[in-house]
Amino acid sequence: MRVTIIGAGAIGGVTGAYMARAGEDVTLVDAVPEHVESIRERGLRLDGLDEFTAQPPAIHPSELRGPLDLVIIAVKTQHTQPALESVLPYLDASSTVVPLQNGLSGLWIAEQVGRERTVPTSINTHQFYMGPGHVRYLNRGHVHVGEFDGQITPRIQEIVRLLSHAYDAAATDNVWGWIWSKMIAGSVTFTTALVDATMGQTITKSDKHRHMFIRMAGEAASVAHKMGVHVEPAPEWDPNTMTPHTDAEWQVAFDNINRYAKYAYEVHSGVWRDIAVRKRRTEGSTLIGPVIDEGEKVGVAMPLHRAMLRILNEIEDGKRPQAWENLDELIQVDEQTS
């Protein structure tokens, strides 16, 4: 199967490097000229978990030609539309588009290319674009791949085989359960990025902070539950416990948020890295925004998400710093709406 990866940054670069090393027919497409030229001249260097240099073909979007077989969209979600538009002229009836991204982009892509040509995934990994021709992979990630209708089809099995070069990949009959599990975790992750500290340190600063993070995750979990999604538990925590009512349920929720914080105690998120290191806008509007939109559709009030996204946008606009006072505002919202 011929694979075309749109976006050769962290996820796309790692995916393409491992596929190329395994001898798969893979081409990387990236809009950053110096990244493309570096890969062409010196190969794509990967370090961290493994250290090797792969030699996949690398091209600019303007050099795309069709028909395309398997297209993996691996750009940040705010760049999904232009990435999709670059491949649309080269898709045919047998093409498959796989969003290897966070968020609900599988829904947007399916609206434009059809569900029959879209395969949603959920990816949980830790990797970074370090510079032209260089990506870093810090732990072997997990990917779940599934059809909209839950069937385990031959193309799902082939996509799993290809992705298994780089990740612990698995077919699933509940891909949206995995996607929403990641979205609930994402609500916590984005909130921790409002402060210049690690994720675990931010979550566990006080019981008020823990309570607010539980409520934040609970808003997203309530949306998934209202939509009829069976949310899959992750190894480090169970997001289904984030909607407590009784004292016993609250104790379980605190135990779970502490487990999540321990798992990420020394970790700076990719969201934090976008703000503090790369000085660029995050995926907040295209990841958290759609969760708020889905909440509105099913009647879930989301005051914490709305306040968090507003604060995040103000940080991105340079109107406020990453600071503990940002979480103080969210704790106030939590106390006013509990």
Protein backbone atom coordinates (compact mmCIF):
# COMPACT_ATOMS: atom_id res chain seq x y z
CA MET A 1 0.00 0.00 0.00
CA ARG A 2 1.36 3.43 -0.97
CA VAL A 3 1.34 5.75 2.03
CA THR A 4 1.37 9.55 1.83
CA ILE A 5 1.86 11.39 5.13
CA ILE A 6 0.74 15.03 5.18
CA GLY A 7 2.77 16.76 7.87
CA ALA A 8 6.26 15.48 8.68
CA GLY A 9 6.55 17.01 12.13
CA ALA A 10 6.37 15.08 15.42
CA ILE A 11 3.73 12.47 14.63
CA GLY A 12 4.14 12.41 10.86
CA GLY A 13 7.92 12.36 11.07
CA VAL A 14 8.09 9.50 13.57
CA THR A 15 5.45 7.52 11.66
CA GLY A 16 7.20 8.02 8.34
CA ALA A 17 10.67 7.30 9.69
CA TYR A 18 9.68 3.91 11.07
CA MET A 19 7.70 2.98 7.97
CA ALA A 20 10.62 3.94 5.73
CA ARG A 21 13.07 1.93 7.86
CA ALA A 22 10.73 -1.07 7.51
CA GLY A 23 10.78 -0.76 3.73
CA GLU A 24 7.22 0.52 3.26
CA ASP A 25 6.32 2.73 0.28
CA VAL A 26 5.93 6.02 2.17
CA THR A 27 6.26 9.66 1.10
CA LEU A 28 6.42 12.61 3.47
CA VAL A 29 4.73 15.90 2.54
CA ASP A 30 5.48 19.06 4.50
CA ALA A 31 4.88 22.78 4.03
CA VAL A 32 8.16 23.85 5.72
CA PRO A 33 10.73 24.14 2.91
CA GLU A 34 13.82 23.79 5.11
CA HIS A 35 12.41 20.60 6.70
CA VAL A 36 11.77 19.05 3.30
CA GLU A 37 15.20 20.03 1.99
CA SER A 38 16.93 18.68 5.09
CA ILE A 39 15.20 15.30 4.71
CA ARG A 40 16.12 15.20 1.04
CA GLU A 41 19.76 16.03 1.67
CA ARG A 42 20.53 14.22 4.94
CA GLY A 43 17.55 12.00 5.70
CA LEU A 44 15.16 12.21 8.64
CA ARG A 45 16.98 11.78 11.95
CA LEU A 46 15.10 10.22 14.85
CA ASP A 47 16.39 10.05 18.42
CA GLY A 48 15.10 9.35 21.90
CA LEU A 49 13.52 5.90 22.13
CA ASP A 50 15.52 4.80 19.07
CA GLU A 51 18.29 6.48 17.13
CA PHE A 52 18.46 6.12 13.36
CA THR A 53 18.22 8.11 10.15
CA ALA A 54 15.57 7.16 7.59
CA GLN A 55 15.52 8.11 3.92
CA PRO A 56 11.86 8.55 2.91
CA PRO A 57 11.05 10.69 -0.14
CA ALA A 58 10.03 14.19 1.00
CA ILE A 59 8.05 16.66 -1.10
CA HIS A 60 6.26 19.99 -0.85
CA PRO A 61 2.43 20.05 -1.07
CA SER A 62 2.69 21.61 -4.54
CA GLU A 63 4.49 18.47 -5.73
CA LEU A 64 1.66 16.10 -4.84
CA ARG A 65 0.36 13.91 -7.63
CA GLY A 66 -2.38 11.30 -7.71
CA PRO A 67 -4.09 9.05 -7.39
CA LEU A 68 -3.30 8.64 -3.70
CA ASP A 69 -3.83 5.36 -1.90
CA LEU A 70 -3.55 5.75 1.89
CA VAL A 71 -3.29 9.35 3.13
CA ILE A 72 -2.32 10.00 6.75
CA ILE A 73 -3.15 13.52 7.97
CA ALA A 74 -0.60 14.31 10.69
CA VAL A 75 -0.75 18.10 10.98
CA LYS A 76 -1.94 20.14 13.95
CA THR A 77 -5.73 20.30 13.93
CA GLN A 78 -5.79 24.00 13.01
CA HIS A 79 -4.07 23.02 9.75
CA THR A 80 -6.42 20.13 8.92
CA GLN A 81 -8.44 21.98 6.30
CA PRO A 82 -5.53 23.17 4.14
CA ALA A 83 -3.91 19.73 4.46
CA LEU A 84 -7.10 18.07 3.29
CA GLU A 85 -7.55 20.54 0.44
CA SER A 86 -4.04 19.69 -0.79
CA VAL A 87 -4.98 16.03 -1.27
CA LEU A 88 -8.63 16.26 -2.34
CA PRO A 89 -7.84 16.58 -6.09
CA TYR A 90 -5.80 13.37 -5.93
CA LEU A 91 -8.25 11.08 -4.13
CA ASP A 92 -10.24 8.45 -6.00
CA ALA A 93 -12.95 6.01 -4.98
CA SER A 94 -10.43 3.59 -3.43
CA SER A 95 -8.48 6.21 -1.43
CA THR A 96 -8.47 6.16 2.38
CA VAL A 97 -7.81 9.17 4.62
CA VAL A 98 -6.56 8.54 8.16
CA PRO A 99 -6.39 11.47 10.62
CA LEU A 100 -3.50 10.62 12.95
CA GLN A 101 -4.27 13.58 15.21
CA ASN A 102 -5.88 14.52 18.46
CA GLY A 103 -9.48 15.63 18.50
CA LEU A 104 -12.60 15.19 16.41
CA SER A 105 -11.06 15.86 13.00
CA GLY A 106 -12.29 12.49 11.75
CA LEU A 107 -15.79 14.00 11.71
CA TRP A 108 -14.70 17.05 9.67
CA ILE A 109 -12.76 14.94 7.20
CA ALA A 110 -15.63 12.47 6.77
CA GLU A 111 -17.97 15.36 5.93
CA GLN A 112 -15.74 16.19 2.95
CA VAL A 113 -14.49 12.83 1.69
CA GLY A 114 -17.23 10.53 3.01
CA ARG A 115 -17.26 8.09 5.91
CA GLU A 116 -16.48 5.25 3.52
CA ARG A 117 -13.08 6.83 2.80
CA THR A 118 -12.28 7.97 6.36
CA VAL A 119 -10.72 5.88 9.12
CA PRO A 120 -10.65 7.61 12.55
CA THR A 121 -7.85 6.93 15.03
CA SER A 122 -6.87 7.79 18.56
CA ILE A 123 -3.16 8.32 19.23
CA ASN A 124 -1.48 8.66 22.62
CA THR A 125 2.24 9.32 22.36
CA HIS A 126 5.10 11.64 23.35
CA GLN A 127 7.22 13.00 20.51
CA PHE A 128 8.48 16.35 19.27
CA TYR A 129 9.65 18.13 16.13
CA MET A 130 13.12 19.32 17.08
CA GLY A 131 14.08 21.17 13.89
CA PRO A 132 14.59 20.61 10.17
CA GLY A 133 15.19 16.91 9.52
CA HIS A 134 15.04 15.95 13.21
CA VAL A 135 12.26 14.43 15.36
CA ARG A 136 12.39 12.99 18.88
CA TYR A 137 10.38 9.98 20.10
CA LEU A 138 10.28 9.59 23.89
CA ASN A 139 8.02 6.60 24.53
CA ARG A 140 6.35 4.01 22.34
CA GLY A 141 2.87 5.36 21.76
CA HIS A 142 -0.49 3.65 21.42
CA VAL A 143 -2.84 3.97 18.46
CA HIS A 144 -6.38 2.62 18.14
CA VAL A 145 -7.83 2.35 14.64
CA GLY A 146 -11.47 1.72 13.74
CA GLU A 147 -14.25 2.13 11.22
CA PHE A 148 -17.18 4.45 11.93
CA ASP A 149 -19.49 1.42 12.19
CA GLY A 150 -17.12 -0.59 14.41
CA GLN A 151 -16.34 -3.33 11.90
CA ILE A 152 -12.83 -4.77 11.84
CA THR A 153 -12.24 -4.68 8.09
CA PRO A 154 -9.21 -5.73 6.02
CA ARG A 155 -8.19 -2.10 5.54
CA ILE A 156 -8.24 -1.57 9.31
CA GLN A 157 -5.96 -4.55 9.72
CA GLU A 158 -3.60 -3.21 7.03
CA ILE A 159 -3.48 0.26 8.62
CA VAL A 160 -2.74 -1.35 11.99
CA ARG A 161 0.09 -3.33 10.40
CA LEU A 162 1.61 -0.18 8.94
CA LEU A 163 1.29 1.86 12.13
CA SER A 164 2.72 -1.00 14.20
CA HIS A 165 6.16 -0.17 12.81
CA ALA A 166 6.12 2.92 15.03
CA TYR A 167 3.46 2.34 17.69
CA ASP A 168 1.58 -0.26 19.68
CA ALA A 169 -1.33 -0.18 17.24
CA ALA A 170 -4.59 -2.08 17.60
CA ALA A 171 -7.89 -2.44 15.77
CA THR A 172 -10.96 -1.47 17.78
CA ASP A 173 -14.73 -1.66 17.43
CA ASN A 174 -15.02 1.47 19.64
CA VAL A 175 -12.67 4.04 18.16
CA TRP A 176 -14.82 6.94 19.35
CA GLY A 177 -14.56 5.62 22.91
CA TRP A 178 -10.79 5.94 22.63
CA ILE A 179 -11.02 9.35 20.96
CA TRP A 180 -13.24 10.73 23.72
CA SER A 181 -10.99 9.20 26.37
CA LYS A 182 -8.16 11.26 24.88
CA MET A 183 -10.39 14.34 24.61
CA ILE A 184 -11.22 14.17 28.33
CA ALA A 185 -7.52 13.87 29.13
CA GLY A 186 -6.93 16.76 26.74
CA SER A 187 -9.19 19.01 28.78
CA VAL A 188 -6.87 18.43 31.74
CA THR A 189 -3.74 18.82 29.61
CA PHE A 190 -4.77 22.18 28.16
CA THR A 191 -5.69 23.46 31.60
CA THR A 192 -2.26 22.58 33.02
CA ALA A 193 -0.64 24.63 30.24
CA LEU A 194 -2.08 27.83 31.73
CA VAL A 195 0.78 27.63 34.25
CA ASP A 196 4.53 27.43 33.71
CA ALA A 197 4.94 24.14 35.58
CA THR A 198 4.74 20.43 34.90
CA MET A 199 1.37 18.75 34.53
CA GLY A 200 1.52 16.72 37.73
CA GLN A 201 2.72 19.63 39.85
CA THR A 202 -0.12 21.77 38.53
CA ILE A 203 -2.87 19.22 39.17
CA THR A 204 -1.74 18.44 42.73
CA LYS A 205 -0.92 21.95 43.97
CA SER A 206 -3.90 21.79 46.36
CA ASP A 207 -7.19 19.98 46.89
CA LYS A 208 -8.94 22.95 45.29
CA HIS A 209 -6.84 22.42 42.19
CA ARG A 210 -7.61 18.70 42.17
CA HIS A 211 -11.33 19.44 42.55
CA MET A 212 -11.27 21.90 39.66
CA PHE A 213 -9.42 19.45 37.39
CA ILE A 214 -11.97 16.74 38.21
CA ARG A 215 -14.80 19.10 37.30
CA MET A 216 -13.00 20.12 34.09
CA ALA A 217 -12.60 16.49 33.03
CA GLY A 218 -16.16 15.80 34.15
CA GLU A 219 -17.60 18.39 31.78
CA ALA A 220 -16.00 16.63 28.80
CA ALA A 221 -16.93 13.19 30.13
CA SER A 222 -20.56 14.30 30.50
CA VAL A 223 -20.64 15.30 26.82
CA ALA A 224 -19.35 11.89 25.74
CA HIS A 225 -21.83 10.10 27.97
CA LYS A 226 -24.73 12.23 26.71
CA MET A 227 -23.68 11.31 23.15
CA GLY A 228 -23.93 7.63 24.06
CA VAL A 229 -20.18 7.01 23.79
CA HIS A 230 -18.66 4.26 25.90
CA VAL A 231 -15.46 5.97 27.02
CA GLU A 232 -12.47 3.63 27.21
CA PRO A 233 -10.33 3.75 30.36
CA ALA A 234 -6.63 4.54 29.91
CA PRO A 235 -3.83 2.67 31.72
CA GLU A 236 -3.04 5.68 33.91
CA TRP A 237 -6.63 6.60 34.86
CA ASP A 238 -10.31 6.04 34.16
CA PRO A 239 -11.96 9.22 32.79
CA ASN A 240 -15.40 7.70 33.48
CA THR A 241 -14.85 8.43 37.18
CA MET A 242 -14.71 12.20 36.58
CA THR A 243 -18.46 12.82 37.09
CA PRO A 244 -18.80 12.07 40.83
CA HIS A 245 -21.90 12.76 42.90
CA THR A 246 -21.57 10.83 46.19
CA ASP A 247 -18.73 11.10 48.69
CA ALA A 248 -17.55 7.64 47.67
CA GLU A 249 -17.51 8.64 43.99
CA TRP A 250 -15.56 11.78 44.82
CA GLN A 251 -12.94 9.68 46.60
CA VAL A 252 -12.59 7.50 43.50
CA ALA A 253 -12.30 10.64 41.35
CA PHE A 254 -9.56 12.05 43.60
CA ASP A 255 -7.71 8.74 43.45
CA ASN A 256 -7.91 8.79 39.66
CA ILE A 257 -6.79 12.39 39.22
CA ASN A 258 -3.87 11.65 41.55
CA ARG A 259 -2.94 8.63 39.41
CA TYR A 260 -3.03 10.83 36.31
CA ALA A 261 -0.90 13.47 38.02
CA LYS A 262 1.65 10.87 39.15
CA TYR A 263 1.87 9.55 35.59
CA ALA A 264 2.58 13.08 34.31
CA TYR A 265 4.31 14.55 37.35
CA GLU A 266 7.51 15.63 35.60
CA VAL A 267 5.96 16.05 32.14
CA HIS A 268 5.55 19.31 30.26
CA SER A 269 2.78 18.89 27.70
CA GLY A 270 2.98 19.65 24.02
CA VAL A 271 0.51 22.46 24.71
CA TRP A 272 2.92 24.00 27.23
CA ARG A 273 5.72 23.55 24.68
CA ASP A 274 3.74 25.41 22.01
CA ILE A 275 3.32 28.40 24.34
CA ALA A 276 6.56 28.47 26.33
CA VAL A 277 9.10 27.13 23.83
CA ARG A 278 7.79 27.47 20.29
CA LYS A 279 5.91 30.73 20.99
CA ARG A 280 2.98 29.79 18.80
CA ARG A 281 -0.75 29.25 19.09
CA THR A 282 -1.96 25.93 20.43
CA GLU A 283 -4.69 23.63 19.13
CA GLY A 284 -7.07 24.95 21.80
CA SER A 285 -9.62 26.47 19.43
CA THR A 286 -9.74 23.35 17.23
CA LEU A 287 -9.62 20.79 20.06
CA ILE A 288 -11.38 22.37 23.05
CA GLY A 289 -13.71 24.46 20.89
CA PRO A 290 -15.38 21.40 19.30
CA VAL A 291 -15.86 19.79 22.73
CA ILE A 292 -17.73 22.91 23.82
CA ASP A 293 -19.75 22.82 20.59
CA GLU A 294 -20.71 19.17 21.13
CA GLY A 295 -21.64 19.99 24.72
CA GLU A 296 -23.98 22.71 23.52
CA LYS A 297 -25.65 20.24 21.13
CA VAL A 298 -26.41 17.74 23.92
CA GLY A 299 -27.26 20.30 26.61
CA VAL A 300 -24.14 20.10 28.82
CA ALA A 301 -23.17 23.41 30.42
CA MET A 302 -19.41 23.86 30.17
CA PRO A 303 -18.46 26.95 32.22
CA LEU A 304 -14.97 25.67 33.05
CA HIS A 305 -14.15 24.81 29.45
CA ARG A 306 -15.37 28.19 28.25
CA ALA A 307 -13.33 30.04 30.90
CA MET A 308 -10.25 27.92 30.22
CA LEU A 309 -10.39 28.50 26.46
CA ARG A 310 -10.81 32.25 27.01
CA ILE A 311 -7.75 32.36 29.29
CA LEU A 312 -5.75 30.22 26.88
CA ASN A 313 -6.57 32.52 23.97
CA GLU A 314 -5.52 35.54 26.03
CA ILE A 315 -2.18 33.86 26.79
CA GLU A 316 -1.74 33.13 23.07
CA ASP A 317 -2.53 36.76 22.29
CA GLY A 318 0.12 37.96 24.74
CA LYS A 319 -2.47 39.55 27.03
CA ARG A 320 -1.53 37.52 30.10
CA PRO A 321 1.31 35.20 31.19
CA GLN A 322 1.25 31.53 32.12
CA ALA A 323 0.65 31.96 35.85
CA TRP A 324 -1.03 30.36 38.86
CA GLU A 325 -3.52 33.24 38.92
CA ASN A 326 -5.07 31.74 35.78
CA LEU A 327 -6.01 28.63 37.71
CA ASP A 328 -7.28 30.78 40.59
CA GLU A 329 -9.87 32.13 38.14
CA LEU A 330 -10.90 28.61 37.18
CA ILE A 331 -11.15 27.57 40.83
CA GLN A 332 -13.52 30.53 41.34
CA VAL A 333 -15.66 29.31 38.43
CA ASP A 334 -15.60 25.81 39.92
CA GLU A 335 -16.73 27.06 43.32
CA GLN A 336 -19.47 29.23 41.80
CA THR A 337 -20.91 26.42 39.64
CA SER A 338 -20.48 23.39 41.93
